[in-house]
């Protein structure tokens, strides 16, 4: 039916099949190499045990409750709204002026 000589002369067999093998084989090879890269990144991203304890979901509610208790102790009724300096104003001079205005009012 087909002899070897005819297949060697066929351009599809001569150029197309190796090209398809290269593309498909390269895809599998790249997948393996990129998986190695992501596995290495996971190993490098290991957290500190102290930071991991803070992020741990079981302890998260405890941290929120502690912060809530701290906020309850603050006197939020006695705060004053002080405007910050504009970019063209001298910040230290303006802050001193604001502090002196607050002390005069009290």
PDB file of N, CA and C in Angstrom:
ATOM      1  N   UNK A   1       0.821  -1.166   0.000  1.00  0.00           N
ATOM      2  CA  UNK A   1       0.000   0.000   0.000  1.00  0.00           C
ATOM      3  C   UNK A   1       0.881   1.251   0.000  1.00  0.00           C
ATOM      4  N   UNK A   2       1.437   1.616   1.142  1.00  0.00           N
ATOM      5  CA  UNK A   2       2.380   2.737   1.196  1.00  0.00           C
ATOM      6  C   UNK A   2       3.761   2.171   1.420  1.00  0.00           C
ATOM      7  N   UNK A   3       4.674   2.627   0.649  1.00  0.00           N
ATOM      8  CA  UNK A   3       6.035   2.168   0.936  1.00  0.00           C
ATOM      9  C   UNK A   3       6.780   3.290   1.654  1.00  0.00           C
ATOM     10  N   UNK A   4       7.909   2.979   2.218  1.00  0.00           N
ATOM     11  CA  UNK A   4       8.680   3.911   3.039  1.00  0.00           C
ATOM     12  C   UNK A   4       9.198   5.089   2.220  1.00  0.00           C
ATOM     13  N   UNK A   5       9.530   4.841   0.984  1.00  0.00           N
ATOM     14  CA  UNK A   5      10.073   5.891   0.131  1.00  0.00           C
ATOM     15  C   UNK A   5       9.030   7.001  -0.101  1.00  0.00           C
ATOM     16  N   UNK A   6       7.770   6.628  -0.269  1.00  0.00           N
ATOM     17  CA  UNK A   6       6.707   7.607  -0.499  1.00  0.00           C
ATOM     18  C   UNK A   6       6.461   8.447   0.744  1.00  0.00           C
ATOM     19  N   UNK A   7       6.520   7.805   1.914  1.00  0.00           N
ATOM     20  CA  UNK A   7       6.331   8.558   3.159  1.00  0.00           C
ATOM     21  C   UNK A   7       7.473   9.538   3.411  1.00  0.00           C
ATOM     22  N   UNK A   8       8.698   9.190   3.027  1.00  0.00           N
ATOM     23  CA  UNK A   8       9.827  10.085   3.214  1.00  0.00           C
ATOM     24  C   UNK A   8       9.726  11.310   2.311  1.00  0.00           C
ATOM     25  N   UNK A   9       9.096  11.192   1.177  1.00  0.00           N
ATOM     26  CA  UNK A   9       8.966  12.313   0.252  1.00  0.00           C
ATOM     27  C   UNK A   9       7.770  13.208   0.597  1.00  0.00           C
ATOM     28  N   UNK A  10       6.832  12.717   1.369  1.00  0.00           N
ATOM     29  CA  UNK A  10       5.638  13.488   1.723  1.00  0.00           C
ATOM     30  C   UNK A  10       6.036  14.628   2.663  1.00  0.00           C
ATOM     31  N   UNK A  11       5.699  15.870   2.281  1.00  0.00           N
ATOM     32  CA  UNK A  11       6.087  17.034   3.083  1.00  0.00           C
ATOM     33  C   UNK A  11       5.353  17.087   4.421  1.00  0.00           C
ATOM     34  N   UNK A  12       4.145  16.606   4.486  1.00  0.00           N
ATOM     35  CA  UNK A  12       3.402  16.606   5.749  1.00  0.00           C
ATOM     36  C   UNK A  12       4.083  15.705   6.761  1.00  0.00           C
ATOM     37  N   UNK A  13       4.487  14.550   6.322  1.00  0.00           N
ATOM     38  CA  UNK A  13       5.161  13.621   7.233  1.00  0.00           C
ATOM     39  C   UNK A  13       6.545  14.141   7.575  1.00  0.00           C
ATOM     40  N   UNK A  14       7.224  14.739   6.613  1.00  0.00           N
ATOM     41  CA  UNK A  14       8.603  15.191   6.794  1.00  0.00           C
ATOM     42  C   UNK A  14       8.688  16.424   7.702  1.00  0.00           C
ATOM     43  N   UNK A  15       7.754  17.374   7.547  1.00  0.00           N
ATOM     44  CA  UNK A  15       7.837  18.625   8.313  1.00  0.00           C
ATOM     45  C   UNK A  15       6.688  18.809   9.309  1.00  0.00           C
ATOM     46  N   UNK A  16       5.500  18.384   8.981  1.00  0.00           N
ATOM     47  CA  UNK A  16       4.327  18.623   9.813  1.00  0.00           C
ATOM     48  C   UNK A  16       4.300  17.801  11.084  1.00  0.00           C
ATOM     49  N   UNK A  17       4.570  16.514  10.974  1.00  0.00           N
ATOM     50  CA  UNK A  17       4.528  15.631  12.147  1.00  0.00           C
ATOM     51  C   UNK A  17       5.584  16.019  13.179  1.00  0.00           C
ATOM     52  N   UNK A  18       6.852  16.283  12.789  1.00  0.00           N
ATOM     53  CA  UNK A  18       7.813  16.739  13.803  1.00  0.00           C
ATOM     54  C   UNK A  18       7.425  18.070  14.455  1.00  0.00           C
ATOM     55  N   UNK A  19       6.806  18.952  13.654  1.00  0.00           N
ATOM     56  CA  UNK A  19       6.362  20.234  14.212  1.00  0.00           C
ATOM     57  C   UNK A  19       5.262  20.026  15.242  1.00  0.00           C
ATOM     58  N   UNK A  20       4.301  19.183  14.945  1.00  0.00           N
ATOM     59  CA  UNK A  20       3.231  18.893  15.902  1.00  0.00           C
ATOM     60  C   UNK A  20       3.786  18.238  17.161  1.00  0.00           C
ATOM     61  N   UNK A  21       4.730  17.321  16.992  1.00  0.00           N
ATOM     62  CA  UNK A  21       5.347  16.685  18.159  1.00  0.00           C
ATOM     63  C   UNK A  21       6.083  17.712  19.017  1.00  0.00           C
ATOM     64  N   UNK A  22       6.759  18.661  18.376  1.00  0.00           N
ATOM     65  CA  UNK A  22       7.488  19.699  19.107  1.00  0.00           C
ATOM     66  C   UNK A  22       6.521  20.596  19.880  1.00  0.00           C
ATOM     67  N   UNK A  23       5.431  21.000  19.261  1.00  0.00           N
ATOM     68  CA  UNK A  23       4.470  21.888  19.922  1.00  0.00           C
ATOM     69  C   UNK A  23       3.789  21.183  21.089  1.00  0.00           C
ATOM     70  N   UNK A  24       3.298  19.981  20.861  1.00  0.00           N
ATOM     71  CA  UNK A  24       2.597  19.255  21.918  1.00  0.00           C
ATOM     72  C   UNK A  24       3.565  18.855  23.032  1.00  0.00           C
ATOM     73  N   UNK A  25       4.743  18.359  22.660  1.00  0.00           N
ATOM     74  CA  UNK A  25       5.747  17.977  23.664  1.00  0.00           C
ATOM     75  C   UNK A  25       6.249  19.186  24.446  1.00  0.00           C
ATOM     76  N   UNK A  26       6.406  20.326  23.761  1.00  0.00           N
ATOM     77  CA  UNK A  26       6.846  21.546  24.445  1.00  0.00           C
ATOM     78  C   UNK A  26       5.823  22.031  25.448  1.00  0.00           C
ATOM     79  N   UNK A  27       4.567  21.857  25.117  1.00  0.00           N
ATOM     80  CA  UNK A  27       3.505  22.257  26.042  1.00  0.00           C
ATOM     81  C   UNK A  27       3.592  21.460  27.342  1.00  0.00           C
ATOM     82  N   UNK A  28       3.760  20.171  27.222  1.00  0.00           N
ATOM     83  CA  UNK A  28       3.886  19.344  28.433  1.00  0.00           C
ATOM     84  C   UNK A  28       5.160  19.669  29.205  1.00  0.00           C
ATOM     85  N   UNK A  29       6.241  19.910  28.480  1.00  0.00           N
ATOM     86  CA  UNK A  29       7.496  20.260  29.152  1.00  0.00           C
ATOM     87  C   UNK A  29       7.401  21.585  29.893  1.00  0.00           C
ATOM     88  N   UNK A  30       6.794  22.593  29.270  1.00  0.00           N
ATOM     89  CA  UNK A  30       6.633  23.884  29.932  1.00  0.00           C
ATOM     90  C   UNK A  30       5.742  23.784  31.158  1.00  0.00           C
ATOM     91  N   UNK A  31       4.726  22.938  31.084  1.00  0.00           N
ATOM     92  CA  UNK A  31       3.849  22.776  32.239  1.00  0.00           C
ATOM     93  C   UNK A  31       4.632  22.260  33.440  1.00  0.00           C
ATOM     94  N   UNK A  32       5.512  21.300  33.209  1.00  0.00           N
ATOM     95  CA  UNK A  32       6.316  20.753  34.303  1.00  0.00           C
ATOM     96  C   UNK A  32       7.267  21.801  34.878  1.00  0.00           C
ATOM     97  N   UNK A  33       7.912  22.580  34.012  1.00  0.00           N
ATOM     98  CA  UNK A  33       8.859  23.588  34.496  1.00  0.00           C
ATOM     99  C   UNK A  33       8.147  24.720  35.245  1.00  0.00           C
ATOM    100  N   UNK A  34       6.984  25.134  34.775  1.00  0.00           N
ATOM    101  CA  UNK A  34       6.274  26.191  35.494  1.00  0.00           C
ATOM    102  C   UNK A  34       5.742  25.680  36.825  1.00  0.00           C
ATOM    103  N   UNK A  35       5.382  24.415  36.902  1.00  0.00           N
ATOM    104  CA  UNK A  35       4.933  23.861  38.170  1.00  0.00           C
ATOM    105  C   UNK A  35       6.078  23.867  39.188  1.00  0.00           C
ATOM    106  N   UNK A  36       7.281  23.598  38.747  1.00  0.00           N
ATOM    107  CA  UNK A  36       8.450  23.666  39.634  1.00  0.00           C
ATOM    108  C   UNK A  36       8.624  25.082  40.159  1.00  0.00           C
ATOM    109  N   UNK A  37       8.417  26.074  39.290  1.00  0.00           N
ATOM    110  CA  UNK A  37       8.563  27.470  39.695  1.00  0.00           C
ATOM    111  C   UNK A  37       7.547  27.822  40.782  1.00  0.00           C
ATOM    112  N   UNK A  38       6.290  27.427  40.600  1.00  0.00           N
ATOM    113  CA  UNK A  38       5.263  27.760  41.582  1.00  0.00           C
ATOM    114  C   UNK A  38       5.471  27.007  42.896  1.00  0.00           C
ATOM    115  N   UNK A  39       5.956  25.788  42.829  1.00  0.00           N
ATOM    116  CA  UNK A  39       6.253  25.049  44.057  1.00  0.00           C
ATOM    117  C   UNK A  39       7.371  25.716  44.831  1.00  0.00           C
ATOM    118  N   UNK A  40       8.376  26.224  44.140  1.00  0.00           N
ATOM    119  CA  UNK A  40       9.474  26.921  44.810  1.00  0.00           C
ATOM    120  C   UNK A  40       8.985  28.209  45.450  1.00  0.00           C
ATOM    121  N   UNK A  41       8.067  28.917  44.803  1.00  0.00           N
ATOM    122  CA  UNK A  41       7.530  30.147  45.384  1.00  0.00           C
ATOM    123  C   UNK A  41       6.719  29.858  46.633  1.00  0.00           C
ATOM    124  N   UNK A  42       6.003  28.756  46.658  1.00  0.00           N
ATOM    125  CA  UNK A  42       5.236  28.395  47.850  1.00  0.00           C
ATOM    126  C   UNK A  42       6.155  28.128  49.032  1.00  0.00           C
ATOM    127  N   UNK A  43       7.290  27.497  48.766  1.00  0.00           N
ATOM    128  CA  UNK A  43       8.230  27.219  49.847  1.00  0.00           C
ATOM    129  C   UNK A  43       8.846  28.494  50.393  1.00  0.00           C
ATOM    130  N   UNK A  44       9.095  29.466  49.531  1.00  0.00           N
ATOM    131  CA  UNK A  44       9.710  30.714  49.974  1.00  0.00           C
ATOM    132  C   UNK A  44       8.721  31.603  50.720  1.00  0.00           C
ATOM    133  N   UNK A  45       7.421  31.418  50.495  1.00  0.00           N
ATOM    134  CA  UNK A  45       6.423  32.268  51.123  1.00  0.00           C
ATOM    135  C   UNK A  45       5.985  31.779  52.495  1.00  0.00           C
ATOM    136  N   UNK A  46       6.695  30.878  53.090  1.00  0.00           N
ATOM    137  CA  UNK A  46       6.322  30.415  54.422  1.00  0.00           C
ATOM    138  C   UNK A  46       6.365  31.602  55.385  1.00  0.00           C
ATOM    139  N   UNK A  47       5.362  31.704  56.235  1.00  0.00           N
ATOM    140  CA  UNK A  47       5.257  32.844  57.148  1.00  0.00           C
ATOM    141  C   UNK A  47       5.998  32.588  58.458  1.00  0.00           C
ATOM    142  N   UNK A  48       6.283  33.703  59.143  1.00  0.00           N
ATOM    143  CA  UNK A  48       6.797  33.613  60.501  1.00  0.00           C
ATOM    144  C   UNK A  48       5.733  32.966  61.381  1.00  0.00           C
ATOM    145  N   UNK A  49       6.146  32.197  62.371  1.00  0.00           N
ATOM    146  CA  UNK A  49       5.137  31.603  63.264  1.00  0.00           C
ATOM    147  C   UNK A  49       4.327  32.665  64.013  1.00  0.00           C
ATOM    148  N   UNK A  50       4.963  33.789  64.378  1.00  0.00           N
ATOM    149  CA  UNK A  50       4.230  34.840  65.092  1.00  0.00           C
ATOM    150  C   UNK A  50       3.207  35.497  64.181  1.00  0.00           C
ATOM    151  N   UNK A  51       3.601  35.753  62.937  1.00  0.00           N
ATOM    152  CA  UNK A  51       2.678  36.355  61.983  1.00  0.00           C
ATOM    153  C   UNK A  51       1.580  35.376  61.611  1.00  0.00           C
ATOM    154  N   UNK A  52       1.933  34.117  61.493  1.00  0.00           N
ATOM    155  CA  UNK A  52       0.946  33.091  61.158  1.00  0.00           C
ATOM    156  C   UNK A  52      -0.088  32.958  62.270  1.00  0.00           C
ATOM    157  N   UNK A  53       0.340  33.131  63.541  1.00  0.00           N
ATOM    158  CA  UNK A  53      -0.604  33.068  64.651  1.00  0.00           C
ATOM    159  C   UNK A  53      -1.571  34.247  64.608  1.00  0.00           C
ATOM    160  N   UNK A  54      -1.085  35.402  64.169  1.00  0.00           N
ATOM    161  CA  UNK A  54      -1.964  36.570  64.071  1.00  0.00           C
ATOM    162  C   UNK A  54      -2.983  36.408  62.957  1.00  0.00           C
ATOM    163  N   UNK A  55      -2.595  35.730  61.895  1.00  0.00           N
ATOM    164  CA  UNK A  55      -3.472  35.565  60.748  1.00  0.00           C
ATOM    165  C   UNK A  55      -4.416  34.376  60.939  1.00  0.00           C
ATOM    166  N   UNK A  56      -4.094  33.502  61.834  1.00  0.00           N
ATOM    167  CA  UNK A  56      -4.890  32.303  62.055  1.00  0.00           C
ATOM    168  C   UNK A  56      -6.344  32.677  62.353  1.00  0.00           C
ATOM    169  N   UNK A  57      -7.266  32.067  61.667  1.00  0.00           N
ATOM    170  CA  UNK A  57      -8.679  32.426  61.784  1.00  0.00           C
ATOM    171  C   UNK A  57      -9.259  32.089  63.163  1.00  0.00           C
ATOM    172  N   UNK A  58      -8.758  31.070  63.808  1.00  0.00           N
ATOM    173  CA  UNK A  58      -9.287  30.717  65.122  1.00  0.00           C
ATOM    174  C   UNK A  58      -8.969  31.805  66.136  1.00  0.00           C
ATOM    175  N   UNK A  59      -7.807  32.427  66.006  1.00  0.00           N
ATOM    176  CA  UNK A  59      -7.415  33.470  66.939  1.00  0.00           C
ATOM    177  C   UNK A  59      -7.867  34.848  66.483  1.00  0.00           C
ATOM    178  N   UNK A  60      -8.409  34.961  65.282  1.00  0.00           N
ATOM    179  CA  UNK A  60      -8.787  36.260  64.738  1.00  0.00           C
ATOM    180  C   UNK A  60      -9.859  36.937  65.593  1.00  0.00           C
ATOM    181  N   UNK A  61     -10.834  36.207  66.069  1.00  0.00           N
ATOM    182  CA  UNK A  61     -11.889  36.811  66.885  1.00  0.00           C
ATOM    183  C   UNK A  61     -11.327  37.332  68.199  1.00  0.00           C
ATOM    184  N   UNK A  62     -10.321  36.669  68.751  1.00  0.00           N
ATOM    185  CA  UNK A  62      -9.714  37.119  69.994  1.00  0.00           C
ATOM    186  C   UNK A  62      -9.014  38.450  69.778  1.00  0.00           C
ATOM    187  N   UNK A  63      -8.329  38.598  68.659  1.00  0.00           N
ATOM    188  CA  UNK A  63      -7.635  39.846  68.370  1.00  0.00           C
ATOM    189  C   UNK A  63      -8.645  40.973  68.182  1.00  0.00           C
ATOM    190  N   UNK A  64      -9.732  40.715  67.495  1.00  0.00           N
ATOM    191  CA  UNK A  64     -10.750  41.744  67.293  1.00  0.00           C
ATOM    192  C   UNK A  64     -11.378  42.170  68.606  1.00  0.00           C
ATOM    193  N   UNK A  65     -11.614  41.221  69.485  1.00  0.00           N
ATOM    194  CA  UNK A  65     -12.185  41.566  70.786  1.00  0.00           C
ATOM    195  C   UNK A  65     -11.227  42.421  71.599  1.00  0.00           C
ATOM    196  N   UNK A  66      -9.937  42.120  71.536  1.00  0.00           N
ATOM    197  CA  UNK A  66      -8.953  42.933  72.246  1.00  0.00           C
ATOM    198  C   UNK A  66      -8.936  44.360  71.706  1.00  0.00           C
ATOM    199  N   UNK A  67      -9.002  44.508  70.406  1.00  0.00           N
ATOM    200  CA  UNK A  67      -9.022  45.843  69.809  1.00  0.00           C
ATOM    201  C   UNK A  67     -10.299  46.589  70.184  1.00  0.00           C
ATOM    202  N   UNK A  68     -11.400  45.892  70.259  1.00  0.00           N
ATOM    203  CA  UNK A  68     -12.654  46.523  70.653  1.00  0.00           C
ATOM    204  C   UNK A  68     -12.569  47.032  72.092  1.00  0.00           C
ATOM    205  N   UNK A  69     -11.960  46.249  72.968  1.00  0.00           N
ATOM    206  CA  UNK A  69     -11.802  46.679  74.363  1.00  0.00           C
ATOM    207  C   UNK A  69     -10.928  47.927  74.449  1.00  0.00           C
ATOM    208  N   UNK A  70      -9.891  47.992  73.629  1.00  0.00           N
ATOM    209  CA  UNK A  70      -9.032  49.184  73.621  1.00  0.00           C
ATOM    210  C   UNK A  70      -9.818  50.408  73.166  1.00  0.00           C
ATOM    211  N   UNK A  71     -10.672  50.246  72.173  1.00  0.00           N
ATOM    212  CA  UNK A  71     -11.462  51.373  71.674  1.00  0.00           C
ATOM    213  C   UNK A  71     -12.516  51.825  72.674  1.00  0.00           C
ATOM    214  N   UNK A  72     -13.038  50.900  73.459  1.00  0.00           N
ATOM    215  CA  UNK A  72     -14.027  51.270  74.466  1.00  0.00           C
ATOM    216  C   UNK A  72     -13.416  52.153  75.552  1.00  0.00           C
ATOM    217  N   UNK A  73     -12.127  51.977  75.834  1.00  0.00           N
ATOM    218  CA  UNK A  73     -11.466  52.755  76.881  1.00  0.00           C
ATOM    219  C   UNK A  73     -11.185  54.194  76.448  1.00  0.00           C
ATOM    220  N   UNK A  74     -11.127  54.461  75.149  1.00  0.00           N
ATOM    221  CA  UNK A  74     -10.854  55.808  74.672  1.00  0.00           C
ATOM    222  C   UNK A  74     -12.058  56.721  74.899  1.00  0.00           C
ATOM    223  N   UNK A  75     -11.768  57.989  75.128  1.00  0.00           N
ATOM    224  CA  UNK A  75     -12.831  58.976  75.298  1.00  0.00           C
ATOM    225  C   UNK A  75     -13.080  59.631  73.944  1.00  0.00           C
ATOM    226  N   UNK A  76     -14.017  59.120  73.218  1.00  0.00           N
ATOM    227  CA  UNK A  76     -14.274  59.601  71.866  1.00  0.00           C
ATOM    228  C   UNK A  76     -15.137  60.853  71.833  1.00  0.00           C
ATOM    229  N   UNK A  77     -15.738  61.229  72.959  1.00  0.00           N
ATOM    230  CA  UNK A  77     -16.579  62.428  72.984  1.00  0.00           C
ATOM    231  C   UNK A  77     -15.760  63.710  73.082  1.00  0.00           C
ATOM    232  N   UNK A  78     -14.506  63.608  73.464  1.00  0.00           N
ATOM    233  CA  UNK A  78     -13.692  64.796  73.719  1.00  0.00           C
ATOM    234  C   UNK A  78     -12.678  65.090  72.620  1.00  0.00           C
ATOM    235  N   UNK A  79     -12.828  64.529  71.450  1.00  0.00           N
ATOM    236  CA  UNK A  79     -11.835  64.739  70.401  1.00  0.00           C
ATOM    237  C   UNK A  79     -12.111  66.037  69.660  1.00  0.00           C
ATOM    238  N   UNK A  80     -11.071  66.600  69.082  1.00  0.00           N
ATOM    239  CA  UNK A  80     -11.174  67.828  68.302  1.00  0.00           C
ATOM    240  C   UNK A  80     -10.728  67.537  66.882  1.00  0.00           C
ATOM    241  N   UNK A  81     -11.421  68.085  65.925  1.00  0.00           N
ATOM    242  CA  UNK A  81     -11.071  67.925  64.523  1.00  0.00           C
ATOM    243  C   UNK A  81     -10.074  69.021  64.154  1.00  0.00           C
ATOM    244  N   UNK A  82      -8.853  68.641  63.832  1.00  0.00           N
ATOM    245  CA  UNK A  82      -7.802  69.591  63.486  1.00  0.00           C
ATOM    246  C   UNK A  82      -7.429  69.364  62.034  1.00  0.00           C
ATOM    247  N   UNK A  83      -7.507  70.436  61.249  1.00  0.00           N
ATOM    248  CA  UNK A  83      -7.155  70.322  59.841  1.00  0.00           C
ATOM    249  C   UNK A  83      -5.643  70.210  59.709  1.00  0.00           C
ATOM    250  N   UNK A  84      -5.211  69.290  58.863  1.00  0.00           N
ATOM    251  CA  UNK A  84      -3.789  69.138  58.594  1.00  0.00           C
ATOM    252  C   UNK A  84      -3.284  70.231  57.667  1.00  0.00           C
ATOM    253  N   UNK A  85      -1.985  70.392  57.583  1.00  0.00           N
ATOM    254  CA  UNK A  85      -1.436  71.456  56.736  1.00  0.00           C
ATOM    255  C   UNK A  85      -1.609  71.138  55.258  1.00  0.00           C
ATOM    256  N   UNK A  86      -1.747  72.173  54.469  1.00  0.00           N
ATOM    257  CA  UNK A  86      -1.798  72.027  53.020  1.00  0.00           C
ATOM    258  C   UNK A  86      -0.376  71.819  52.510  1.00  0.00           C
ATOM    259  N   UNK A  87      -0.219  71.323  51.292  1.00  0.00           N
ATOM    260  CA  UNK A  87       1.130  71.061  50.782  1.00  0.00           C
ATOM    261  C   UNK A  87       2.018  72.307  50.730  1.00  0.00           C
ATOM    262  N   UNK A  88       1.437  73.467  50.549  1.00  0.00           N
ATOM    263  CA  UNK A  88       2.251  74.676  50.457  1.00  0.00           C
ATOM    264  C   UNK A  88       2.483  75.328  51.813  1.00  0.00           C
ATOM    265  N   UNK A  89       1.875  74.828  52.881  1.00  0.00           N
ATOM    266  CA  UNK A  89       2.062  75.386  54.214  1.00  0.00           C
ATOM    267  C   UNK A  89       3.167  74.635  54.946  1.00  0.00           C
ATOM    268  N   UNK A  90       3.829  75.333  55.855  1.00  0.00           N
ATOM    269  CA  UNK A  90       4.852  74.714  56.693  1.00  0.00           C
ATOM    270  C   UNK A  90       4.145  73.901  57.771  1.00  0.00           C
ATOM    271  N   UNK A  91       4.412  72.609  57.805  1.00  0.00           N
ATOM    272  CA  UNK A  91       3.640  71.734  58.690  1.00  0.00           C
ATOM    273  C   UNK A  91       3.919  72.008  60.162  1.00  0.00           C
ATOM    274  N   UNK A  92       5.155  72.210  60.539  1.00  0.00           N
ATOM    275  CA  UNK A  92       5.462  72.433  61.958  1.00  0.00           C
ATOM    276  C   UNK A  92       4.853  73.740  62.448  1.00  0.00           C
ATOM    277  N   UNK A  93       4.970  74.773  61.655  1.00  0.00           N
ATOM    278  CA  UNK A  93       4.413  76.070  62.036  1.00  0.00           C
ATOM    279  C   UNK A  93       2.892  75.984  62.172  1.00  0.00           C
ATOM    280  N   UNK A  94       2.251  75.306  61.232  1.00  0.00           N
ATOM    281  CA  UNK A  94       0.802  75.186  61.259  1.00  0.00           C
ATOM    282  C   UNK A  94       0.331  74.336  62.438  1.00  0.00           C
ATOM    283  N   UNK A  95       1.061  73.268  62.741  1.00  0.00           N
ATOM    284  CA  UNK A  95       0.691  72.432  63.885  1.00  0.00           C
ATOM    285  C   UNK A  95       0.828  73.203  65.192  1.00  0.00           C
ATOM    286  N   UNK A  96       1.881  73.985  65.316  1.00  0.00           N
ATOM    287  CA  UNK A  96       2.043  74.809  66.522  1.00  0.00           C
ATOM    288  C   UNK A  96       0.900  75.815  66.649  1.00  0.00           C
ATOM    289  N   UNK A  97       0.502  76.404  65.546  1.00  0.00           N
ATOM    290  CA  UNK A  97      -0.605  77.355  65.547  1.00  0.00           C
ATOM    291  C   UNK A  97      -1.901  76.669  65.972  1.00  0.00           C
ATOM    292  N   UNK A  98      -2.160  75.490  65.474  1.00  0.00           N
ATOM    293  CA  UNK A  98      -3.371  74.746  65.834  1.00  0.00           C
ATOM    294  C   UNK A  98      -3.361  74.379  67.319  1.00  0.00           C
ATOM    295  N   UNK A  99      -2.221  73.970  67.828  1.00  0.00           N
ATOM    296  CA  UNK A  99      -2.131  73.610  69.251  1.00  0.00           C
ATOM    297  C   UNK A  99      -2.366  74.823  70.140  1.00  0.00           C
ATOM    298  N   UNK A 100      -1.826  75.959  69.738  1.00  0.00           N
ATOM    299  CA  UNK A 100      -2.029  77.160  70.543  1.00  0.00           C
ATOM    300  C   UNK A 100      -3.496  77.589  70.506  1.00  0.00           C
ATOM    301  N   UNK A 101      -4.156  77.435  69.358  1.00  0.00           N
ATOM    302  CA  UNK A 101      -5.586  77.759  69.265  1.00  0.00           C
ATOM    303  C   UNK A 101      -6.397  76.839  70.144  1.00  0.00           C
ATOM    304  N   UNK A 102      -6.034  75.570  70.213  1.00  0.00           N
ATOM    305  CA  UNK A 102      -6.761  74.632  71.069  1.00  0.00           C
ATOM    306  C   UNK A 102      -6.572  74.960  72.537  1.00  0.00           C
ATOM    307  N   UNK A 103      -5.353  75.331  72.908  1.00  0.00           N
ATOM    308  CA  UNK A 103      -5.108  75.634  74.327  1.00  0.00           C
ATOM    309  C   UNK A 103      -5.810  76.929  74.737  1.00  0.00           C
ATOM    310  N   UNK A 104      -5.966  77.888  73.831  1.00  0.00           N
ATOM    311  CA  UNK A 104      -6.675  79.124  74.125  1.00  0.00           C
ATOM    312  C   UNK A 104      -8.167  78.864  74.311  1.00  0.00           C
ATOM    313  N   UNK A 105      -8.716  77.962  73.519  1.00  0.00           N
ATOM    314  CA  UNK A 105     -10.147  77.663  73.599  1.00  0.00           C
ATOM    315  C   UNK A 105     -10.502  76.887  74.853  1.00  0.00           C
ATOM    316  N   UNK A 106      -9.577  76.121  75.372  1.00  0.00           N
ATOM    317  CA  UNK A 106      -9.859  75.313  76.578  1.00  0.00           C
ATOM    318  C   UNK A 106      -9.560  76.066  77.793  1.00  0.00           C
TER     319      UNK A 106
END
